[in-house]
Amino acid sequence: MEIKVTKKLGENTTVEFKSTEPEFKKAMCEIVPFTQPDYCSLCKSTKIMYETNKSTTDKGTFIYIKRRCLQCQAQSTLGEYKGGGYFWKAFEIYQPKEQGVTGE
């Protein structure tokens, strides 16, 4: 079975996502996250940019795919189910933890 989704990213880019997973439910788990609208749940903006980065540790190399809201800078990271398939985590604004602050 082959399932395809064509999605417009930004103003000038179109991407086609395709699953060749033979089992219908598993194929849908791969494709469904890319059918969701790019919409920031925090500020309601539709101005969303996709970003990726890799991180290598002693546990392996990890690839991160993120949607970033260009209005409020919130981001949503693509999560992966242990049993296969993907989902978008909720949009959130990154706030680094303060380091070296002590109560006096």
PDB file of N, CA and C in Angstrom:
ATOM      1  N   MET A   1       0.850  -1.167   0.000  1.00  0.00           N
ATOM      2  CA  MET A   1       0.000   0.000   0.000  1.00  0.00           C
ATOM      3  C   MET A   1       0.898   1.231   0.000  1.00  0.00           C
ATOM      4  N   GLU A   2       0.473   2.237  -0.752  1.00  0.00           N
ATOM      5  CA  GLU A   2       1.218   3.486  -0.777  1.00  0.00           C
ATOM      6  C   GLU A   2       0.251   4.625  -0.470  1.00  0.00           C
ATOM      7  N   ILE A   3       0.633   5.465   0.492  1.00  0.00           N
ATOM      8  CA  ILE A   3      -0.162   6.630   0.839  1.00  0.00           C
ATOM      9  C   ILE A   3       0.719   7.854   0.652  1.00  0.00           C
ATOM     10  N   LYS A   4       0.204   8.871  -0.029  1.00  0.00           N
ATOM     11  CA  LYS A   4       0.957  10.099  -0.274  1.00  0.00           C
ATOM     12  C   LYS A   4       0.191  11.294   0.277  1.00  0.00           C
ATOM     13  N   VAL A   5       0.941  12.258   0.787  1.00  0.00           N
ATOM     14  CA  VAL A   5       0.386  13.530   1.231  1.00  0.00           C
ATOM     15  C   VAL A   5       1.243  14.615   0.614  1.00  0.00           C
ATOM     16  N   THR A   6       0.620  15.562  -0.048  1.00  0.00           N
ATOM     17  CA  THR A   6       1.335  16.710  -0.581  1.00  0.00           C
ATOM     18  C   THR A   6       0.978  17.901   0.290  1.00  0.00           C
ATOM     19  N   LYS A   7       2.016  18.599   0.754  1.00  0.00           N
ATOM     20  CA  LYS A   7       1.805  19.701   1.703  1.00  0.00           C
ATOM     21  C   LYS A   7       2.604  20.914   1.269  1.00  0.00           C
ATOM     22  N   LYS A   8       1.981  22.064   1.395  1.00  0.00           N
ATOM     23  CA  LYS A   8       2.658  23.316   1.106  1.00  0.00           C
ATOM     24  C   LYS A   8       3.338  23.798   2.375  1.00  0.00           C
ATOM     25  N   LEU A   9       4.638  24.054   2.297  1.00  0.00           N
ATOM     26  CA  LEU A   9       5.404  24.584   3.425  1.00  0.00           C
ATOM     27  C   LEU A   9       5.824  26.006   3.068  1.00  0.00           C
ATOM     28  N   GLY A  10       5.368  26.954   3.828  1.00  0.00           N
ATOM     29  CA  GLY A  10       5.697  28.341   3.522  1.00  0.00           C
ATOM     30  C   GLY A  10       4.981  28.777   2.260  1.00  0.00           C
ATOM     31  N   GLU A  11       5.540  29.786   1.597  1.00  0.00           N
ATOM     32  CA  GLU A  11       4.889  30.333   0.411  1.00  0.00           C
ATOM     33  C   GLU A  11       5.336  29.677  -0.887  1.00  0.00           C
ATOM     34  N   ASN A  12       6.563  29.140  -0.913  1.00  0.00           N
ATOM     35  CA  ASN A  12       7.121  28.686  -2.186  1.00  0.00           C
ATOM     36  C   ASN A  12       7.545  27.225  -2.235  1.00  0.00           C
ATOM     37  N   THR A  13       7.276  26.459  -1.213  1.00  0.00           N
ATOM     38  CA  THR A  13       7.766  25.085  -1.169  1.00  0.00           C
ATOM     39  C   THR A  13       6.616  24.106  -1.026  1.00  0.00           C
ATOM     40  N   THR A  14       6.652  23.062  -1.826  1.00  0.00           N
ATOM     41  CA  THR A  14       5.695  21.968  -1.716  1.00  0.00           C
ATOM     42  C   THR A  14       6.489  20.684  -1.494  1.00  0.00           C
ATOM     43  N   VAL A  15       6.055  19.880  -0.537  1.00  0.00           N
ATOM     44  CA  VAL A  15       6.746  18.641  -0.191  1.00  0.00           C
ATOM     45  C   VAL A  15       5.752  17.496  -0.288  1.00  0.00           C
ATOM     46  N   GLU A  16       6.229  16.348  -0.763  1.00  0.00           N
ATOM     47  CA  GLU A  16       5.380  15.160  -0.814  1.00  0.00           C
ATOM     48  C   GLU A  16       5.906  14.150   0.199  1.00  0.00           C
ATOM     49  N   PHE A  17       5.046  13.725   1.113  1.00  0.00           N
ATOM     50  CA  PHE A  17       5.373  12.694   2.084  1.00  0.00           C
ATOM     51  C   PHE A  17       4.727  11.398   1.605  1.00  0.00           C
ATOM     52  N   LYS A  18       5.476  10.304   1.691  1.00  0.00           N
ATOM     53  CA  LYS A  18       4.967   9.044   1.172  1.00  0.00           C
ATOM     54  C   LYS A  18       5.299   7.919   2.138  1.00  0.00           C
ATOM     55  N   SER A  19       4.335   7.028   2.340  1.00  0.00           N
ATOM     56  CA  SER A  19       4.557   5.827   3.128  1.00  0.00           C
ATOM     57  C   SER A  19       4.309   4.623   2.233  1.00  0.00           C
ATOM     58  N   THR A  20       5.223   3.683   2.279  1.00  0.00           N
ATOM     59  CA  THR A  20       5.047   2.429   1.535  1.00  0.00           C
ATOM     60  C   THR A  20       4.824   1.262   2.503  1.00  0.00           C
ATOM     61  N   GLU A  21       4.517   1.604   3.753  1.00  0.00           N
ATOM     62  CA  GLU A  21       4.214   0.600   4.774  1.00  0.00           C
ATOM     63  C   GLU A  21       3.008  -0.214   4.316  1.00  0.00           C
ATOM     64  N   PRO A  22       3.115  -1.556   4.268  1.00  0.00           N
ATOM     65  CA  PRO A  22       2.001  -2.368   3.775  1.00  0.00           C
ATOM     66  C   PRO A  22       0.775  -2.406   4.694  1.00  0.00           C
ATOM     67  N   GLU A  23       0.976  -2.225   5.998  1.00  0.00           N
ATOM     68  CA  GLU A  23      -0.151  -2.268   6.930  1.00  0.00           C
ATOM     69  C   GLU A  23      -0.779  -0.882   7.038  1.00  0.00           C
ATOM     70  N   PHE A  24      -2.078  -0.791   6.794  1.00  0.00           N
ATOM     71  CA  PHE A  24      -2.784   0.488   6.718  1.00  0.00           C
ATOM     72  C   PHE A  24      -2.582   1.363   7.959  1.00  0.00           C
ATOM     73  N   LYS A  25      -2.809   0.818   9.146  1.00  0.00           N
ATOM     74  CA  LYS A  25      -2.706   1.622  10.364  1.00  0.00           C
ATOM     75  C   LYS A  25      -1.291   2.163  10.575  1.00  0.00           C
ATOM     76  N   LYS A  26      -0.296   1.346  10.280  1.00  0.00           N
ATOM     77  CA  LYS A  26       1.090   1.804  10.432  1.00  0.00           C
ATOM     78  C   LYS A  26       1.411   2.881   9.394  1.00  0.00           C
ATOM     79  N   ALA A  27       0.894   2.721   8.199  1.00  0.00           N
ATOM     80  CA  ALA A  27       1.098   3.738   7.155  1.00  0.00           C
ATOM     81  C   ALA A  27       0.464   5.056   7.569  1.00  0.00           C
ATOM     82  N   MET A  28      -0.729   4.993   8.129  1.00  0.00           N
ATOM     83  CA  MET A  28      -1.397   6.218   8.583  1.00  0.00           C
ATOM     84  C   MET A  28      -0.628   6.869   9.726  1.00  0.00           C
ATOM     85  N   CYS A  29      -0.061   6.072  10.627  1.00  0.00           N
ATOM     86  CA  CYS A  29       0.750   6.629  11.722  1.00  0.00           C
ATOM     87  C   CYS A  29       1.946   7.412  11.189  1.00  0.00           C
ATOM     88  N   GLU A  30       2.488   6.974  10.066  1.00  0.00           N
ATOM     89  CA  GLU A  30       3.616   7.680   9.466  1.00  0.00           C
ATOM     90  C   GLU A  30       3.189   8.985   8.797  1.00  0.00           C
ATOM     91  N   ILE A  31       1.998   9.010   8.215  1.00  0.00           N
ATOM     92  CA  ILE A  31       1.560  10.128   7.384  1.00  0.00           C
ATOM     93  C   ILE A  31       0.725  11.174   8.120  1.00  0.00           C
ATOM     94  N   VAL A  32      -0.106  10.770   9.047  1.00  0.00           N
ATOM     95  CA  VAL A  32      -1.063  11.688   9.680  1.00  0.00           C
ATOM     96  C   VAL A  32      -0.433  12.975  10.232  1.00  0.00           C
ATOM     97  N   PRO A  33       0.730  12.936  10.882  1.00  0.00           N
ATOM     98  CA  PRO A  33       1.271  14.205  11.393  1.00  0.00           C
ATOM     99  C   PRO A  33       1.496  15.265  10.310  1.00  0.00           C
ATOM    100  N   PHE A  34       1.671  14.837   9.090  1.00  0.00           N
ATOM    101  CA  PHE A  34       1.936  15.785   8.009  1.00  0.00           C
ATOM    102  C   PHE A  34       0.660  16.275   7.332  1.00  0.00           C
ATOM    103  N   THR A  35      -0.476  15.782   7.803  1.00  0.00           N
ATOM    104  CA  THR A  35      -1.757  16.277   7.292  1.00  0.00           C
ATOM    105  C   THR A  35      -2.314  17.387   8.186  1.00  0.00           C
ATOM    106  N   GLN A  36      -1.715  17.564   9.350  1.00  0.00           N
ATOM    107  CA  GLN A  36      -2.199  18.565  10.292  1.00  0.00           C
ATOM    108  C   GLN A  36      -1.792  19.967   9.833  1.00  0.00           C
ATOM    109  N   PRO A  37      -2.645  20.959  10.057  1.00  0.00           N
ATOM    110  CA  PRO A  37      -2.307  22.315   9.638  1.00  0.00           C
ATOM    111  C   PRO A  37      -1.153  22.879  10.457  1.00  0.00           C
ATOM    112  N   ASP A  38      -0.347  23.709   9.822  1.00  0.00           N
ATOM    113  CA  ASP A  38       0.732  24.392  10.526  1.00  0.00           C
ATOM    114  C   ASP A  38       0.139  25.636  11.167  1.00  0.00           C
ATOM    115  N   TYR A  39      -0.162  25.495  12.445  1.00  0.00           N
ATOM    116  CA  TYR A  39      -0.912  26.493  13.191  1.00  0.00           C
ATOM    117  C   TYR A  39      -0.378  26.502  14.618  1.00  0.00           C
ATOM    118  N   CYS A  40       0.134  27.640  15.071  1.00  0.00           N
ATOM    119  CA  CYS A  40       0.668  27.736  16.428  1.00  0.00           C
ATOM    120  C   CYS A  40      -0.479  27.780  17.422  1.00  0.00           C
ATOM    121  N   SER A  41      -0.503  26.843  18.332  1.00  0.00           N
ATOM    122  CA  SER A  41      -1.584  26.785  19.317  1.00  0.00           C
ATOM    123  C   SER A  41      -1.443  27.864  20.394  1.00  0.00           C
ATOM    124  N   LEU A  42      -0.302  28.537  20.450  1.00  0.00           N
ATOM    125  CA  LEU A  42      -0.112  29.573  21.459  1.00  0.00           C
ATOM    126  C   LEU A  42      -0.570  30.953  20.988  1.00  0.00           C
ATOM    127  N   CYS A  43      -0.134  31.359  19.789  1.00  0.00           N
ATOM    128  CA  CYS A  43      -0.468  32.710  19.316  1.00  0.00           C
ATOM    129  C   CYS A  43      -1.421  32.694  18.124  1.00  0.00           C
ATOM    130  N   LYS A  44      -1.756  31.510  17.630  1.00  0.00           N
ATOM    131  CA  LYS A  44      -2.711  31.316  16.532  1.00  0.00           C
ATOM    132  C   LYS A  44      -2.161  31.687  15.151  1.00  0.00           C
ATOM    133  N   SER A  45      -0.871  31.913  15.046  1.00  0.00           N
ATOM    134  CA  SER A  45      -0.262  32.267  13.764  1.00  0.00           C
ATOM    135  C   SER A  45      -0.140  31.041  12.850  1.00  0.00           C
ATOM    136  N   THR A  46      -0.197  31.281  11.561  1.00  0.00           N
ATOM    137  CA  THR A  46       0.046  30.217  10.576  1.00  0.00           C
ATOM    138  C   THR A  46       1.398  30.415   9.889  1.00  0.00           C
ATOM    139  N   LYS A  47       2.195  31.337  10.388  1.00  0.00           N
ATOM    140  CA  LYS A  47       3.537  31.568   9.829  1.00  0.00           C
ATOM    141  C   LYS A  47       4.507  30.634  10.541  1.00  0.00           C
ATOM    142  N   ILE A  48       4.647  29.439   9.973  1.00  0.00           N
ATOM    143  CA  ILE A  48       5.428  28.361  10.581  1.00  0.00           C
ATOM    144  C   ILE A  48       6.588  27.987   9.663  1.00  0.00           C
ATOM    145  N   MET A  49       7.757  27.797  10.242  1.00  0.00           N
ATOM    146  CA  MET A  49       8.948  27.390   9.503  1.00  0.00           C
ATOM    147  C   MET A  49       9.414  26.036  10.046  1.00  0.00           C
ATOM    148  N   TYR A  50       9.860  25.175   9.173  1.00  0.00           N
ATOM    149  CA  TYR A  50      10.396  23.877   9.581  1.00  0.00           C
ATOM    150  C   TYR A  50      11.901  23.980   9.752  1.00  0.00           C
ATOM    151  N   GLU A  51      12.439  23.281  10.759  1.00  0.00           N
ATOM    152  CA  GLU A  51      13.875  23.243  11.017  1.00  0.00           C
ATOM    153  C   GLU A  51      14.269  21.819  11.389  1.00  0.00           C
ATOM    154  N   THR A  52      15.525  21.482  11.173  1.00  0.00           N
ATOM    155  CA  THR A  52      16.050  20.186  11.615  1.00  0.00           C
ATOM    156  C   THR A  52      17.421  20.394  12.234  1.00  0.00           C
ATOM    157  N   ASN A  53      17.799  19.473  13.104  1.00  0.00           N
ATOM    158  CA  ASN A  53      19.169  19.439  13.608  1.00  0.00           C
ATOM    159  C   ASN A  53      19.481  18.028  14.081  1.00  0.00           C
ATOM    160  N   LYS A  54      20.781  17.730  14.176  1.00  0.00           N
ATOM    161  CA  LYS A  54      21.249  16.431  14.646  1.00  0.00           C
ATOM    162  C   LYS A  54      22.047  16.633  15.920  1.00  0.00           C
ATOM    163  N   SER A  55      21.972  15.651  16.782  1.00  0.00           N
ATOM    164  CA  SER A  55      22.739  15.663  18.016  1.00  0.00           C
ATOM    165  C   SER A  55      23.382  14.290  18.167  1.00  0.00           C
ATOM    166  N   THR A  56      24.679  14.265  18.424  1.00  0.00           N
ATOM    167  CA  THR A  56      25.380  13.000  18.606  1.00  0.00           C
ATOM    168  C   THR A  56      25.878  12.909  20.038  1.00  0.00           C
ATOM    169  N   THR A  57      25.523  11.819  20.681  1.00  0.00           N
ATOM    170  CA  THR A  57      25.985  11.564  22.050  1.00  0.00           C
ATOM    171  C   THR A  57      26.568  10.161  22.088  1.00  0.00           C
ATOM    172  N   ASP A  58      26.972   9.719  23.268  1.00  0.00           N
ATOM    173  CA  ASP A  58      27.473   8.346  23.400  1.00  0.00           C
ATOM    174  C   ASP A  58      26.359   7.318  23.209  1.00  0.00           C
ATOM    175  N   LYS A  59      25.092   7.774  23.195  1.00  0.00           N
ATOM    176  CA  LYS A  59      23.957   6.876  22.987  1.00  0.00           C
ATOM    177  C   LYS A  59      23.544   6.805  21.512  1.00  0.00           C
ATOM    178  N   GLY A  60      24.162   7.602  20.650  1.00  0.00           N
ATOM    179  CA  GLY A  60      23.842   7.570  19.227  1.00  0.00           C
ATOM    180  C   GLY A  60      23.621   8.955  18.648  1.00  0.00           C
ATOM    181  N   THR A  61      23.199   8.978  17.393  1.00  0.00           N
ATOM    182  CA  THR A  61      22.892  10.224  16.705  1.00  0.00           C
ATOM    183  C   THR A  61      21.384  10.360  16.616  1.00  0.00           C
ATOM    184  N   PHE A  62      20.888  11.519  16.980  1.00  0.00           N
ATOM    185  CA  PHE A  62      19.456  11.770  17.013  1.00  0.00           C
ATOM    186  C   PHE A  62      19.117  12.920  16.067  1.00  0.00           C
ATOM    187  N   ILE A  63      18.047  12.760  15.322  1.00  0.00           N
ATOM    188  CA  ILE A  63      17.591  13.781  14.376  1.00  0.00           C
ATOM    189  C   ILE A  63      16.321  14.402  14.930  1.00  0.00           C
ATOM    190  N   TYR A  64      16.289  15.724  14.965  1.00  0.00           N
ATOM    191  CA  TYR A  64      15.132  16.455  15.464  1.00  0.00           C
ATOM    192  C   TYR A  64      14.495  17.249  14.326  1.00  0.00           C
ATOM    193  N   ILE A  65      13.189  17.151  14.200  1.00  0.00           N
ATOM    194  CA  ILE A  65      12.431  17.925  13.218  1.00  0.00           C
ATOM    195  C   ILE A  65      11.486  18.806  14.014  1.00  0.00           C
ATOM    196  N   LYS A  66      11.548  20.113  13.735  1.00  0.00           N
ATOM    197  CA  LYS A  66      10.761  21.067  14.520  1.00  0.00           C
ATOM    198  C   LYS A  66      10.002  22.013  13.613  1.00  0.00           C
ATOM    199  N   ARG A  67       8.850  22.452  14.117  1.00  0.00           N
ATOM    200  CA  ARG A  67       8.113  23.546  13.492  1.00  0.00           C
ATOM    201  C   ARG A  67       8.286  24.741  14.418  1.00  0.00           C
ATOM    202  N   ARG A  68       8.684  25.871  13.862  1.00  0.00           N
ATOM    203  CA  ARG A  68       8.867  27.086  14.661  1.00  0.00           C
ATOM    204  C   ARG A  68       7.901  28.157  14.192  1.00  0.00           C
ATOM    205  N   CYS A  69       7.201  28.761  15.143  1.00  0.00           N
ATOM    206  CA  CYS A  69       6.296  29.859  14.849  1.00  0.00           C
ATOM    207  C   CYS A  69       7.131  31.123  14.664  1.00  0.00           C
ATOM    208  N   LEU A  70       6.979  31.776  13.526  1.00  0.00           N
ATOM    209  CA  LEU A  70       7.755  32.982  13.252  1.00  0.00           C
ATOM    210  C   LEU A  70       7.219  34.199  14.001  1.00  0.00           C
ATOM    211  N   GLN A  71       6.039  34.083  14.552  1.00  0.00           N
ATOM    212  CA  GLN A  71       5.460  35.223  15.278  1.00  0.00           C
ATOM    213  C   GLN A  71       5.883  35.236  16.750  1.00  0.00           C
ATOM    214  N   CYS A  72       5.713  34.105  17.457  1.00  0.00           N
ATOM    215  CA  CYS A  72       6.016  34.088  18.897  1.00  0.00           C
ATOM    216  C   CYS A  72       7.244  33.246  19.245  1.00  0.00           C
ATOM    217  N   GLN A  73       7.853  32.607  18.245  1.00  0.00           N
ATOM    218  CA  GLN A  73       9.062  31.784  18.406  1.00  0.00           C
ATOM    219  C   GLN A  73       8.826  30.475  19.159  1.00  0.00           C
ATOM    220  N   ALA A  74       7.577  30.086  19.357  1.00  0.00           N
ATOM    221  CA  ALA A  74       7.298  28.787  19.971  1.00  0.00           C
ATOM    222  C   ALA A  74       7.700  27.689  18.988  1.00  0.00           C
ATOM    223  N   GLN A  75       7.967  26.510  19.505  1.00  0.00           N
ATOM    224  CA  GLN A  75       8.297  25.403  18.607  1.00  0.00           C
ATOM    225  C   GLN A  75       7.573  24.137  19.013  1.00  0.00           C
ATOM    226  N   SER A  76       7.386  23.279  18.022  1.00  0.00           N
ATOM    227  CA  SER A  76       6.748  21.982  18.195  1.00  0.00           C
ATOM    228  C   SER A  76       7.670  20.948  17.560  1.00  0.00           C
ATOM    229  N   THR A  77       8.075  19.952  18.331  1.00  0.00           N
ATOM    230  CA  THR A  77       9.005  18.937  17.855  1.00  0.00           C
ATOM    231  C   THR A  77       8.246  17.678  17.448  1.00  0.00           C
ATOM    232  N   LEU A  78       8.717  17.035  16.391  1.00  0.00           N
ATOM    233  CA  LEU A  78       8.120  15.782  15.939  1.00  0.00           C
ATOM    234  C   LEU A  78       8.563  14.674  16.881  1.00  0.00           C
ATOM    235  N   GLY A  79       7.599  13.999  17.500  1.00  0.00           N
ATOM    236  CA  GLY A  79       7.898  12.875  18.374  1.00  0.00           C
ATOM    237  C   GLY A  79       7.705  11.572  17.627  1.00  0.00           C
ATOM    238  N   GLU A  80       8.306  10.522  18.144  1.00  0.00           N
ATOM    239  CA  GLU A  80       8.212   9.209  17.495  1.00  0.00           C
ATOM    240  C   GLU A  80       7.744   8.181  18.519  1.00  0.00           C
ATOM    241  N   TYR A  81       6.686   7.456  18.166  1.00  0.00           N
ATOM    242  CA  TYR A  81       6.190   6.398  19.045  1.00  0.00           C
ATOM    243  C   TYR A  81       7.162   5.223  19.037  1.00  0.00           C
ATOM    244  N   LYS A  82       7.346   4.567  20.158  1.00  0.00           N
ATOM    245  CA  LYS A  82       8.233   3.410  20.238  1.00  0.00           C
ATOM    246  C   LYS A  82       7.778   2.298  19.304  1.00  0.00           C
ATOM    247  N   GLY A  83       6.464   2.165  19.121  1.00  0.00           N
ATOM    248  CA  GLY A  83       5.925   1.119  18.253  1.00  0.00           C
ATOM    249  C   GLY A  83       5.849   1.518  16.785  1.00  0.00           C
ATOM    250  N   GLY A  84       6.341   2.719  16.446  1.00  0.00           N
ATOM    251  CA  GLY A  84       6.303   3.202  15.060  1.00  0.00           C
ATOM    252  C   GLY A  84       5.282   4.316  14.897  1.00  0.00           C
ATOM    253  N   GLY A  85       5.567   5.226  14.027  1.00  0.00           N
ATOM    254  CA  GLY A  85       4.684   6.353  13.769  1.00  0.00           C
ATOM    255  C   GLY A  85       5.169   7.616  14.467  1.00  0.00           C
ATOM    256  N   TYR A  86       4.545   8.735  14.130  1.00  0.00           N
ATOM    257  CA  TYR A  86       4.997  10.038  14.597  1.00  0.00           C
ATOM    258  C   TYR A  86       3.843  10.881  15.127  1.00  0.00           C
ATOM    259  N   PHE A  87       4.183  11.921  15.869  1.00  0.00           N
ATOM    260  CA  PHE A  87       3.193  12.872  16.361  1.00  0.00           C
ATOM    261  C   PHE A  87       3.902  14.204  16.613  1.00  0.00           C
ATOM    262  N   TRP A  88       3.129  15.287  16.573  1.00  0.00           N
ATOM    263  CA  TRP A  88       3.678  16.603  16.897  1.00  0.00           C
ATOM    264  C   TRP A  88       3.458  16.877  18.377  1.00  0.00           C
ATOM    265  N   LYS A  89       4.514  17.248  19.068  1.00  0.00           N
ATOM    266  CA  LYS A  89       4.390  17.671  20.457  1.00  0.00           C
ATOM    267  C   LYS A  89       3.752  19.058  20.476  1.00  0.00           C
ATOM    268  N   ALA A  90       3.191  19.447  21.601  1.00  0.00           N
ATOM    269  CA  ALA A  90       2.535  20.750  21.725  1.00  0.00           C
ATOM    270  C   ALA A  90       3.540  21.878  21.507  1.00  0.00           C
ATOM    271  N   PHE A  91       3.070  22.995  20.936  1.00  0.00           N
ATOM    272  CA  PHE A  91       3.925  24.169  20.791  1.00  0.00           C
ATOM    273  C   PHE A  91       4.279  24.695  22.173  1.00  0.00           C
ATOM    274  N   GLU A  92       5.535  25.078  22.339  1.00  0.00           N
ATOM    275  CA  GLU A  92       5.979  25.680  23.582  1.00  0.00           C
ATOM    276  C   GLU A  92       7.104  26.657  23.297  1.00  0.00           C
ATOM    277  N   ILE A  93       7.233  27.651  24.162  1.00  0.00           N
ATOM    278  CA  ILE A  93       8.317  28.619  24.041  1.00  0.00           C
ATOM    279  C   ILE A  93       9.439  28.162  24.950  1.00  0.00           C
ATOM    280  N   TYR A  94      10.612  27.994  24.361  1.00  0.00           N
ATOM    281  CA  TYR A  94      11.763  27.506  25.110  1.00  0.00           C
ATOM    282  C   TYR A  94      12.203  28.552  26.131  1.00  0.00           C
ATOM    283  N   GLN A  95      12.337  28.103  27.374  1.00  0.00           N
ATOM    284  CA  GLN A  95      12.825  28.968  28.440  1.00  0.00           C
ATOM    285  C   GLN A  95      13.938  28.213  29.156  1.00  0.00           C
ATOM    286  N   PRO A  96      15.190  28.609  28.908  1.00  0.00           N
ATOM    287  CA  PRO A  96      16.302  27.878  29.530  1.00  0.00           C
ATOM    288  C   PRO A  96      16.266  28.005  31.052  1.00  0.00           C
ATOM    289  N   LYS A  97      16.710  26.942  31.695  1.00  0.00           N
ATOM    290  CA  LYS A  97      16.786  26.971  33.148  1.00  0.00           C
ATOM    291  C   LYS A  97      17.957  27.868  33.549  1.00  0.00           C
ATOM    292  N   GLU A  98      17.754  28.627  34.596  1.00  0.00           N
ATOM    293  CA  GLU A  98      18.818  29.488  35.082  1.00  0.00           C
ATOM    294  C   GLU A  98      19.859  28.626  35.784  1.00  0.00           C
ATOM    295  N   GLN A  99      21.106  28.829  35.434  1.00  0.00           N
ATOM    296  CA  GLN A  99      22.191  28.055  36.020  1.00  0.00           C
ATOM    297  C   GLN A  99      23.005  28.968  36.938  1.00  0.00           C
ATOM    298  N   GLY A 100      23.458  28.430  38.018  1.00  0.00           N
ATOM    299  CA  GLY A 100      24.313  29.165  38.917  1.00  0.00           C
ATOM    300  C   GLY A 100      23.591  30.148  39.817  1.00  0.00           C
ATOM    301  N   VAL A 101      22.286  30.107  39.837  1.00  0.00           N
ATOM    302  CA  VAL A 101      21.525  31.013  40.700  1.00  0.00           C
ATOM    303  C   VAL A 101      21.338  30.340  42.052  1.00  0.00           C
ATOM    304  N   THR A 102      21.732  31.024  43.081  1.00  0.00           N
ATOM    305  CA  THR A 102      21.582  30.479  44.430  1.00  0.00           C
ATOM    306  C   THR A 102      20.758  31.436  45.270  1.00  0.00           C
ATOM    307  N   GLY A 103      20.019  30.893  46.191  1.00  0.00           N
ATOM    308  CA  GLY A 103      19.234  31.734  47.100  1.00  0.00           C
ATOM    309  C   GLY A 103      20.105  32.224  48.234  1.00  0.00           C
ATOM    310  N   GLU A 104      20.153  33.517  48.433  1.00  0.00           N
ATOM    311  CA  GLU A 104      20.985  34.072  49.515  1.00  0.00           C
ATOM    312  C   GLU A 104      20.126  34.724  50.543  1.00  0.00           C
TER     313      GLU A 104
END
